[in-house]
Amino acid sequence: MKKSIARSFDIFANKLVQFSQERGRVSWLIFLFILALTLVAITPFPGNSQPILNNGVEQICSKDLKTRELRGVWLTNIDSDVLFDRDRTSEAISLLAESNFNTIYPTVWNWGYTLYPSEVSKRVTGLNLDPTEGLQNRDILAEIVSEGHKKEMSVIPWFEFGFMAPADSELAQRHPQWLTSRQDGSTIWWEGDVHQRVWLNPLRPEVQEFMTDLLVEIVSNYDIDGIQLDDHFGYPAELGYDDYTVELYRGEHDGQSPPEDYQDPEWVRWRADKITAYVERLFHELKSHNPQAIISVSPNPQHFSLNSFLMDWYTWERKGLIEELIVQIYRDRNDSFIKELESPELLAAKAHIPVGIGVLSGLKGRPILWHKINKQVKIAREHEFAGISFFFYESLWNLATESPQRRQAALKRLFHHQAQRPNLSDCQFLS
């Protein structure tokens, strides 16, 4: 592109010189004036990224790692006890603050239950709170918001399970008609070799109403900095053959049934577009109740997200429905990690909104050495992303080969100075 502009400019300049030589000194003045205008026209705007067009507005998103960097961590009640005791939760937040983290993503929707007292959940499941010991008689979201804000950390509740639920949960047992299924009518989806899951059908109005009510309840009743949807805010592509969805599809396709191939491109697109339409309505509903709470999304990379879970986050982002994006790039090999960082969808989003990278810090039974984690953070920084969020808290220093003390010291070196979170105000809007 730059070479093409340069060639065109050279031709244009030569013509002007010829004209000036023929017409005299006055033409030289005209030539210099036009030259100045041309240089202004082809000079790029300042910034780290080229501008893109979105909703009629060009934007450049830039960041300065010296002052702004997303430093987040997910807190969950799976393979972790950080949420089951008030003192332990408070100590964890203090330790994160000392390590210069600035964002906490605590789970608030998991195992078919809310982790905060919920009238919406009580109405639908009969229980207003996760019945697990250590979570009863507490409002852990209120605790985390209070403690996090005292430490000047942002708190963005994480809607972890999305449309997924345990097969034996009260939610699934009470509302079997809400579930989606395969072509053979089966609904069980195995997560690993242990957990039997089912998926609520996000195309059903009752399911949409339930999810919207849960999320509105959170953004309306808590002093949170945002709300986060993740990779479970779609559903597996092999599902979607329940009676409700089939009839809806037939009604829009002259009576034709959905394709037997669940990865048929048109069938994938049709279901993904239905979810996108719901997310658009949801976005505006949440903003009407709490305009200051950002909408964050933490999906898988776009190709897998769309084709495996019908979750077209790239379209959401292009429509302006995402205000922070953290893509889960859990890769053992750095070349695979880099390939995902350089995907067109991620680069386009990065020029528009703050985009962070989800880095896997370890799992139960799968510890990851610190030098590998540190290397991926370095790579993400070199690619000028907005920052990092680690999955998950317990594996930062407890589920690790190295001692907790060594891991804590390493994290303090990694985040050796405080930094503010990047936000949409860091994007320069150009007329």
Protein backbone atom coordinates (compact mmCIF):
# COMPACT_ATOMS: atom_id res chain seq x y z
CA MET A 1 0.00 0.00 0.00
CA LYS A 2 2.73 2.46 1.01
CA LYS A 3 4.75 1.61 -2.13
CA SER A 4 1.67 2.17 -4.30
CA ILE A 5 1.06 5.59 -2.72
CA ALA A 6 4.72 6.50 -3.19
CA ARG A 7 4.67 5.50 -6.86
CA SER A 8 1.51 7.49 -7.49
CA PHE A 9 3.00 10.50 -5.73
CA ASP A 10 6.22 10.28 -7.82
CA ILE A 11 4.24 10.29 -11.06
CA PHE A 12 2.11 13.17 -9.83
CA ALA A 13 5.19 15.19 -8.78
CA ASN A 14 6.99 14.64 -12.09
CA LYS A 15 3.98 15.89 -14.02
CA LEU A 16 3.86 19.00 -11.87
CA VAL A 17 7.56 19.68 -12.41
CA GLN A 18 7.10 19.44 -16.17
CA PHE A 19 4.13 21.79 -15.97
CA SER A 20 6.07 24.25 -13.81
CA GLN A 21 9.02 24.36 -16.17
CA GLU A 22 6.71 25.19 -19.03
CA ARG A 23 4.64 27.83 -17.20
CA GLY A 24 7.24 29.61 -15.09
CA ARG A 25 7.72 30.74 -11.50
CA VAL A 26 4.00 31.08 -10.60
CA SER A 27 3.48 27.43 -11.36
CA TRP A 28 6.31 26.51 -8.99
CA LEU A 29 4.37 28.17 -6.17
CA ILE A 30 1.29 26.18 -7.16
CA PHE A 31 3.40 23.04 -7.19
CA LEU A 32 4.76 23.65 -3.66
CA PHE A 33 1.27 24.35 -2.33
CA ILE A 34 -0.15 21.13 -3.80
CA LEU A 35 2.89 19.20 -2.55
CA ALA A 36 2.22 20.36 1.01
CA LEU A 37 -1.43 19.32 0.77
CA THR A 38 -0.45 15.92 -0.61
CA LEU A 39 2.03 15.23 2.20
CA VAL A 40 -0.63 16.05 4.78
CA ALA A 41 -3.11 13.74 3.07
CA ILE A 42 -0.82 10.69 3.01
CA THR A 43 0.68 11.13 6.50
CA PRO A 44 -0.74 8.38 8.78
CA PHE A 45 -2.50 9.17 12.03
CA PRO A 46 -0.36 8.69 15.15
CA GLY A 47 -0.88 5.57 17.25
CA ASN A 48 0.12 1.94 17.67
CA SER A 49 -2.46 0.57 15.23
CA GLN A 50 -3.95 1.55 11.90
CA PRO A 51 -7.50 2.91 12.22
CA ILE A 52 -10.42 0.63 11.38
CA LEU A 53 -13.98 1.49 10.49
CA ASN A 54 -16.66 0.29 12.90
CA ASN A 55 -20.24 1.57 13.02
CA GLY A 56 -19.18 4.59 10.98
CA VAL A 57 -16.44 5.67 13.40
CA GLU A 58 -12.72 5.21 12.89
CA GLN A 59 -10.81 4.27 16.01
CA ILE A 60 -7.27 3.74 17.15
CA CYS A 61 -6.70 1.84 20.37
CA SER A 62 -3.32 2.46 21.95
CA LYS A 63 -1.75 1.67 25.29
CA ASP A 64 1.35 2.47 27.24
CA LEU A 65 2.64 -0.46 29.28
CA LYS A 66 4.42 1.94 31.60
CA THR A 67 1.10 3.21 32.93
CA ARG A 68 -1.66 0.84 31.75
CA GLU A 69 -1.88 -2.93 31.62
CA LEU A 70 -4.63 -5.39 32.38
CA ARG A 71 -3.44 -7.73 35.14
CA GLY A 72 -6.27 -10.07 35.96
CA VAL A 73 -7.01 -13.44 37.49
CA TRP A 74 -10.07 -15.67 37.58
CA LEU A 75 -11.33 -16.89 40.97
CA THR A 76 -13.41 -20.05 40.83
CA ASN A 77 -14.88 -22.61 43.22
CA ILE A 78 -13.65 -25.53 41.07
CA ASP A 79 -10.38 -27.12 42.29
CA SER A 80 -9.94 -24.13 44.57
CA ASP A 81 -10.94 -23.28 48.13
CA VAL A 82 -10.23 -19.55 47.92
CA LEU A 83 -13.94 -18.67 48.02
CA PHE A 84 -15.04 -21.01 50.81
CA ASP A 85 -13.79 -18.96 53.75
CA ARG A 86 -14.13 -15.22 54.33
CA ASP A 87 -10.60 -14.80 55.71
CA ARG A 88 -9.07 -16.87 52.93
CA THR A 89 -10.86 -14.77 50.32
CA SER A 90 -9.68 -11.54 51.96
CA GLU A 91 -6.09 -12.81 52.20
CA ALA A 92 -6.12 -13.78 48.52
CA ILE A 93 -7.23 -10.30 47.47
CA SER A 94 -4.52 -8.71 49.62
CA LEU A 95 -1.88 -11.00 48.13
CA LEU A 96 -3.00 -10.14 44.59
CA ALA A 97 -2.90 -6.43 45.38
CA GLU A 98 0.62 -6.78 46.78
CA SER A 99 1.61 -8.44 43.50
CA ASN A 100 0.22 -5.43 41.57
CA PHE A 101 -2.79 -7.18 40.03
CA ASN A 102 -5.54 -4.71 39.19
CA THR A 103 -8.52 -6.88 38.19
CA ILE A 104 -10.41 -9.78 39.77
CA TYR A 105 -12.86 -11.98 37.86
CA PRO A 106 -14.77 -13.95 40.55
CA THR A 107 -17.23 -16.60 39.45
CA VAL A 108 -20.83 -15.83 40.36
CA TRP A 109 -22.70 -18.48 38.32
CA ASN A 110 -21.52 -22.06 38.56
CA TRP A 111 -22.85 -25.63 38.91
CA GLY A 112 -26.38 -24.36 38.21
CA TYR A 113 -26.34 -22.00 41.20
CA THR A 114 -25.50 -18.40 41.97
CA LEU A 115 -22.72 -17.65 44.44
CA TYR A 116 -24.54 -14.57 45.67
CA PRO A 117 -28.06 -14.40 47.22
CA SER A 118 -30.39 -14.33 44.20
CA GLU A 119 -34.14 -13.92 44.09
CA VAL A 120 -34.06 -14.80 40.40
CA SER A 121 -32.35 -18.11 41.12
CA LYS A 122 -34.77 -18.85 43.96
CA ARG A 123 -37.73 -18.28 41.68
CA VAL A 124 -36.39 -20.64 39.00
CA THR A 125 -34.44 -23.31 40.94
CA GLY A 126 -35.91 -23.09 44.42
CA LEU A 127 -32.49 -22.13 45.86
CA ASN A 128 -31.19 -18.61 46.17
CA LEU A 129 -27.55 -19.60 46.69
CA ASP A 130 -25.05 -22.40 46.10
CA PRO A 131 -25.75 -24.87 48.94
CA THR A 132 -22.05 -25.77 49.37
CA GLU A 133 -20.74 -25.38 52.91
CA GLY A 134 -18.68 -22.22 53.22
CA LEU A 135 -20.85 -20.27 50.78
CA GLN A 136 -24.05 -20.29 52.81
CA ASN A 137 -24.87 -17.27 55.00
CA ARG A 138 -22.43 -15.17 52.97
CA ASP A 139 -22.52 -12.86 50.02
CA ILE A 140 -19.09 -13.47 48.54
CA LEU A 141 -19.68 -11.05 45.70
CA ALA A 142 -20.34 -8.21 48.15
CA GLU A 143 -17.24 -9.24 50.11
CA ILE A 144 -15.00 -9.31 47.02
CA VAL A 145 -16.33 -5.98 45.73
CA SER A 146 -15.68 -4.36 49.11
CA GLU A 147 -12.21 -5.86 49.60
CA GLY A 148 -11.18 -5.40 45.98
CA HIS A 149 -12.16 -1.75 45.87
CA LYS A 150 -10.32 -1.10 49.12
CA LYS A 151 -7.21 -2.33 47.32
CA GLU A 152 -8.08 -0.20 44.25
CA MET A 153 -8.75 -3.30 42.16
CA SER A 154 -11.56 -3.64 39.63
CA VAL A 155 -14.09 -6.41 40.27
CA ILE A 156 -15.81 -7.91 37.22
CA PRO A 157 -18.04 -10.90 38.14
CA TRP A 158 -17.58 -13.86 35.84
CA PHE A 159 -20.65 -15.72 34.58
CA GLU A 160 -18.68 -18.94 34.39
CA PHE A 161 -21.15 -21.67 33.42
CA GLY A 162 -23.19 -19.56 30.98
CA PHE A 163 -25.82 -21.82 29.40
CA MET A 164 -24.22 -24.99 30.78
CA ALA A 165 -25.47 -26.80 33.90
CA PRO A 166 -24.85 -30.10 35.68
CA ALA A 167 -27.28 -32.78 34.51
CA ASP A 168 -28.43 -33.41 38.09
CA SER A 169 -28.82 -29.74 39.06
CA GLU A 170 -32.11 -28.31 40.26
CA LEU A 171 -32.15 -26.07 37.22
CA ALA A 172 -31.99 -29.00 34.78
CA GLN A 173 -34.36 -31.20 36.77
CA ARG A 174 -37.03 -28.53 37.13
CA HIS A 175 -36.89 -27.29 33.54
CA PRO A 176 -36.12 -30.23 31.21
CA GLN A 177 -37.98 -28.45 28.38
CA TRP A 178 -35.31 -25.74 28.47
CA LEU A 179 -32.57 -28.16 27.40
CA THR A 180 -31.24 -28.58 23.88
CA SER A 181 -30.33 -31.97 22.41
CA ARG A 182 -28.62 -33.95 19.67
CA GLN A 183 -30.39 -35.51 16.70
CA ASP A 184 -30.96 -38.72 18.67
CA GLY A 185 -32.61 -36.77 21.48
CA SER A 186 -29.74 -37.17 23.97
CA THR A 187 -28.84 -34.18 26.13
CA ILE A 188 -25.80 -35.30 28.16
CA TRP A 189 -22.52 -33.60 27.25
CA TRP A 190 -19.42 -34.93 28.99
CA GLU A 191 -16.94 -32.44 30.37
CA GLY A 192 -13.81 -34.54 30.69
CA ASP A 193 -14.43 -38.10 31.87
CA VAL A 194 -16.27 -37.18 35.04
CA HIS A 195 -18.87 -34.44 34.74
CA GLN A 196 -22.21 -34.89 32.99
CA ARG A 197 -23.45 -31.55 31.70
CA VAL A 198 -26.53 -30.34 29.88
CA TRP A 199 -27.05 -27.09 27.98
CA LEU A 200 -29.92 -24.67 28.20
CA ASN A 201 -31.24 -23.64 24.80
CA PRO A 202 -30.29 -19.96 24.35
CA LEU A 203 -32.83 -19.63 21.53
CA ARG A 204 -35.78 -20.23 23.88
CA PRO A 205 -37.45 -17.05 25.20
CA GLU A 206 -37.74 -18.52 28.74
CA VAL A 207 -34.02 -19.25 28.86
CA GLN A 208 -33.18 -15.80 27.56
CA GLU A 209 -35.45 -14.22 30.17
CA PHE A 210 -33.82 -16.22 32.97
CA MET A 211 -30.28 -15.31 31.90
CA THR A 212 -31.16 -11.66 31.40
CA ASP A 213 -32.81 -11.48 34.82
CA LEU A 214 -29.76 -13.03 36.50
CA LEU A 215 -27.35 -10.61 34.86
CA VAL A 216 -29.57 -7.56 35.42
CA GLU A 217 -29.81 -8.58 39.08
CA ILE A 218 -26.02 -8.49 39.40
CA VAL A 219 -25.38 -5.21 37.58
CA SER A 220 -28.25 -3.51 39.42
CA ASN A 221 -27.47 -4.58 42.99
CA TYR A 222 -23.67 -4.49 43.24
CA ASP A 223 -21.05 -1.78 42.83
CA ILE A 224 -19.22 -3.81 40.20
CA ASP A 225 -16.96 -2.57 37.41
CA GLY A 226 -18.44 -4.84 34.78
CA ILE A 227 -19.81 -8.29 34.02
CA GLN A 228 -18.04 -11.04 32.09
CA LEU A 229 -19.48 -13.70 29.78
CA ASP A 230 -17.20 -16.52 28.70
CA ASP A 231 -16.92 -19.44 26.29
CA HIS A 232 -20.05 -21.09 27.73
CA PHE A 233 -22.31 -18.34 26.39
CA GLY A 234 -23.03 -20.47 23.35
CA TYR A 235 -23.51 -24.24 23.19
CA PRO A 236 -21.83 -27.25 21.52
CA ALA A 237 -22.50 -27.38 17.78
CA GLU A 238 -23.60 -31.03 17.99
CA LEU A 239 -26.67 -29.83 19.92
CA GLY A 240 -29.56 -27.73 18.65
CA TYR A 241 -31.87 -30.50 17.43
CA ASP A 242 -34.49 -30.07 20.16
CA ASP A 243 -38.11 -29.66 19.04
CA TYR A 244 -38.24 -25.93 19.68
CA THR A 245 -35.16 -25.14 17.58
CA VAL A 246 -36.14 -27.51 14.77
CA GLU A 247 -39.59 -25.91 14.46
CA LEU A 248 -38.06 -22.42 14.54
CA TYR A 249 -35.66 -23.40 11.75
CA ARG A 250 -38.44 -24.96 9.66
CA GLY A 251 -40.51 -21.83 10.03
CA GLU A 252 -37.72 -19.78 8.49
CA HIS A 253 -36.78 -22.33 5.79
CA ASP A 254 -40.09 -23.21 4.09
CA GLY A 255 -40.57 -26.31 6.22
CA GLN A 256 -37.09 -27.72 5.60
CA SER A 257 -35.45 -29.48 8.56
CA PRO A 258 -31.96 -28.57 9.82
CA PRO A 259 -29.04 -30.36 8.11
CA GLU A 260 -27.92 -33.67 9.60
CA ASP A 261 -24.35 -32.39 9.50
CA TYR A 262 -24.19 -30.26 12.63
CA GLN A 263 -21.20 -28.37 11.20
CA ASP A 264 -22.99 -27.43 8.01
CA PRO A 265 -21.91 -23.78 7.52
CA GLU A 266 -25.43 -22.40 7.06
CA TRP A 267 -26.74 -24.33 10.09
CA VAL A 268 -23.82 -23.09 12.21
CA ARG A 269 -24.37 -19.52 11.02
CA TRP A 270 -28.12 -19.58 11.62
CA ARG A 271 -27.77 -20.71 15.24
CA ALA A 272 -24.83 -18.37 15.91
CA ASP A 273 -26.81 -15.42 14.51
CA LYS A 274 -29.71 -16.22 16.84
CA ILE A 275 -27.36 -16.10 19.82
CA THR A 276 -25.85 -12.85 18.54
CA ALA A 277 -29.32 -11.30 18.29
CA TYR A 278 -29.95 -12.24 21.93
CA VAL A 279 -26.58 -10.84 23.05
CA GLU A 280 -27.41 -7.55 21.33
CA ARG A 281 -30.67 -7.27 23.27
CA LEU A 282 -28.90 -8.31 26.45
CA PHE A 283 -26.18 -5.68 26.01
CA HIS A 284 -28.69 -2.84 25.78
CA GLU A 285 -30.71 -4.18 28.71
CA LEU A 286 -27.65 -4.34 30.96
CA LYS A 287 -26.55 -0.86 29.90
CA SER A 288 -29.99 0.52 30.68
CA HIS A 289 -29.60 -0.66 34.30
CA ASN A 290 -25.91 0.13 34.79
CA PRO A 291 -24.28 2.19 32.02
CA GLN A 292 -20.93 2.24 33.83
CA ALA A 293 -20.52 -1.55 34.05
CA ILE A 294 -18.44 -2.74 31.09
CA ILE A 295 -19.40 -5.86 29.15
CA SER A 296 -16.39 -8.18 29.10
CA VAL A 297 -16.18 -11.47 27.19
CA SER A 298 -13.57 -14.24 27.62
CA PRO A 299 -14.04 -16.72 24.76
CA ASN A 300 -11.89 -19.22 22.91
CA PRO A 301 -10.24 -18.13 19.64
CA GLN A 302 -12.82 -17.20 17.01
CA HIS A 303 -12.66 -20.24 14.69
CA PHE A 304 -13.11 -22.75 17.51
CA SER A 305 -15.58 -20.55 19.34
CA LEU A 306 -17.87 -20.21 16.32
CA ASN A 307 -17.65 -23.67 14.80
CA SER A 308 -17.56 -25.69 18.01
CA PHE A 309 -19.73 -23.56 20.33
CA LEU A 310 -21.76 -21.33 17.97
CA MET A 311 -20.39 -18.26 19.70
CA ASP A 312 -19.50 -15.61 17.13
CA TRP A 313 -17.69 -13.14 19.38
CA TYR A 314 -16.05 -11.44 16.38
CA THR A 315 -19.47 -10.28 15.16
CA TRP A 316 -20.34 -9.20 18.70
CA GLU A 317 -17.21 -7.08 18.78
CA ARG A 318 -17.85 -5.59 15.34
CA LYS A 319 -21.36 -4.64 16.49
CA GLY A 320 -19.97 -2.83 19.53
CA LEU A 321 -21.37 -5.35 22.03
CA ILE A 322 -18.03 -6.06 23.75
CA GLU A 323 -16.09 -3.45 25.73
CA GLU A 324 -13.29 -5.72 26.89
CA LEU A 325 -12.12 -8.96 25.31
CA ILE A 326 -9.89 -11.58 26.94
CA VAL A 327 -9.28 -14.51 24.61
CA GLN A 328 -8.38 -17.81 26.26
CA ILE A 329 -5.23 -18.93 24.44
CA TYR A 330 -4.17 -21.99 26.40
CA ARG A 331 -1.36 -23.44 24.31
CA ASP A 332 1.68 -25.52 25.30
CA ARG A 333 3.71 -24.53 22.23
CA ASN A 334 4.72 -20.93 21.78
CA ASP A 335 4.43 -21.10 17.98
CA SER A 336 0.75 -22.07 18.36
CA PHE A 337 0.33 -19.33 20.94
CA ILE A 338 1.81 -16.73 18.58
CA LYS A 339 -0.31 -17.96 15.66
CA GLU A 340 -3.47 -17.28 17.67
CA LEU A 341 -2.21 -13.84 18.73
CA GLU A 342 -1.82 -12.93 15.06
CA SER A 343 -5.27 -14.05 13.92
CA PRO A 344 -7.11 -11.40 11.86
CA GLU A 345 -10.09 -11.32 14.24
CA LEU A 346 -7.90 -10.67 17.26
CA LEU A 347 -5.88 -7.98 15.51
CA ALA A 348 -9.06 -6.22 14.37
CA ALA A 349 -10.52 -6.29 17.88
CA LYS A 350 -7.23 -5.08 19.34
CA ALA A 351 -7.47 -1.92 17.27
CA HIS A 352 -10.95 -1.21 18.59
CA ILE A 353 -11.23 -2.21 22.27
CA PRO A 354 -8.89 -3.32 25.08
CA VAL A 355 -7.94 -6.94 24.30
CA GLY A 356 -6.16 -9.09 26.87
CA ILE A 357 -4.81 -12.63 26.60
CA GLY A 358 -5.93 -15.44 28.86
CA VAL A 359 -2.83 -17.39 29.93
CA LEU A 360 -3.08 -20.79 31.58
CA SER A 361 -1.09 -20.80 34.82
CA GLY A 362 -1.88 -24.46 35.54
CA LEU A 363 -4.63 -26.92 36.37
CA LYS A 364 -5.13 -29.51 39.05
CA GLY A 365 -2.86 -32.39 38.00
CA ARG A 366 -1.31 -30.27 35.27
CA PRO A 367 1.18 -27.79 36.76
CA ILE A 368 2.92 -25.39 34.40
CA LEU A 369 6.48 -24.25 35.08
CA TRP A 370 6.92 -20.54 35.67
CA HIS A 371 9.39 -19.97 32.84
CA LYS A 372 6.72 -21.10 30.34
CA ILE A 373 4.12 -18.77 31.83
CA ASN A 374 6.60 -15.90 31.92
CA LYS A 375 7.51 -16.47 28.27
CA GLN A 376 3.88 -16.27 27.12
CA VAL A 377 3.33 -13.05 29.07
CA LYS A 378 6.42 -11.63 27.37
CA ILE A 379 5.13 -12.67 23.94
CA ALA A 380 1.73 -11.06 24.61
CA ARG A 381 3.45 -7.86 25.68
CA GLU A 382 5.65 -7.86 22.58
CA HIS A 383 2.48 -8.10 20.49
CA GLU A 384 1.15 -5.03 22.32
CA PHE A 385 -2.01 -6.53 23.79
CA ALA A 386 -3.78 -4.74 26.63
CA GLY A 387 -2.62 -7.23 29.23
CA ILE A 388 -3.03 -10.65 30.78
CA SER A 389 -5.51 -12.64 32.84
CA PHE A 390 -4.43 -15.90 34.45
CA PHE A 391 -6.53 -19.01 34.73
CA PHE A 392 -6.71 -19.53 37.57
CA TYR A 393 -5.94 -18.18 41.07
CA GLU A 394 -5.07 -21.48 42.74
CA SER A 395 -2.53 -22.44 40.07
CA LEU A 396 -0.70 -19.11 40.34
CA TRP A 397 1.17 -20.41 43.37
CA ASN A 398 -0.53 -23.39 45.04
CA LEU A 399 -1.02 -25.94 42.25
CA ALA A 400 2.53 -25.55 41.01
CA THR A 401 5.83 -27.43 40.94
CA GLU A 402 7.69 -24.44 42.39
CA SER A 403 6.99 -23.36 45.95
CA PRO A 404 4.30 -20.69 46.58
CA GLN A 405 7.03 -18.34 47.81
CA ARG A 406 9.02 -18.64 44.58
CA ARG A 407 5.91 -18.15 42.43
CA GLN A 408 4.83 -15.10 44.44
CA ALA A 409 8.28 -13.58 44.11
CA ALA A 410 8.26 -14.25 40.36
CA LEU A 411 4.88 -12.56 39.94
CA LYS A 412 6.10 -9.50 41.82
CA ARG A 413 9.02 -9.31 39.39
CA LEU A 414 6.65 -9.70 36.46
CA PHE A 415 4.41 -6.89 37.70
CA HIS A 416 7.17 -4.88 39.35
CA HIS A 417 5.23 -1.60 39.23
CA GLN A 418 1.60 -0.67 39.60
CA ALA A 419 -0.46 -0.14 36.47
CA GLN A 420 -3.98 1.06 35.76
CA ARG A 421 -6.41 -1.02 33.74
CA PRO A 422 -6.80 0.00 30.11
CA ASN A 423 -10.33 0.98 29.13
CA LEU A 424 -12.35 2.32 26.23
CA SER A 425 -11.21 5.86 26.95
CA ASP A 426 -7.75 4.74 25.76
CA CYS A 427 -9.24 4.44 22.28
CA GLN A 428 -8.97 7.63 20.24
CA PHE A 429 -12.16 8.29 18.30
CA LEU A 430 -11.47 9.99 14.99
CA SER A 431 -14.01 11.87 12.93
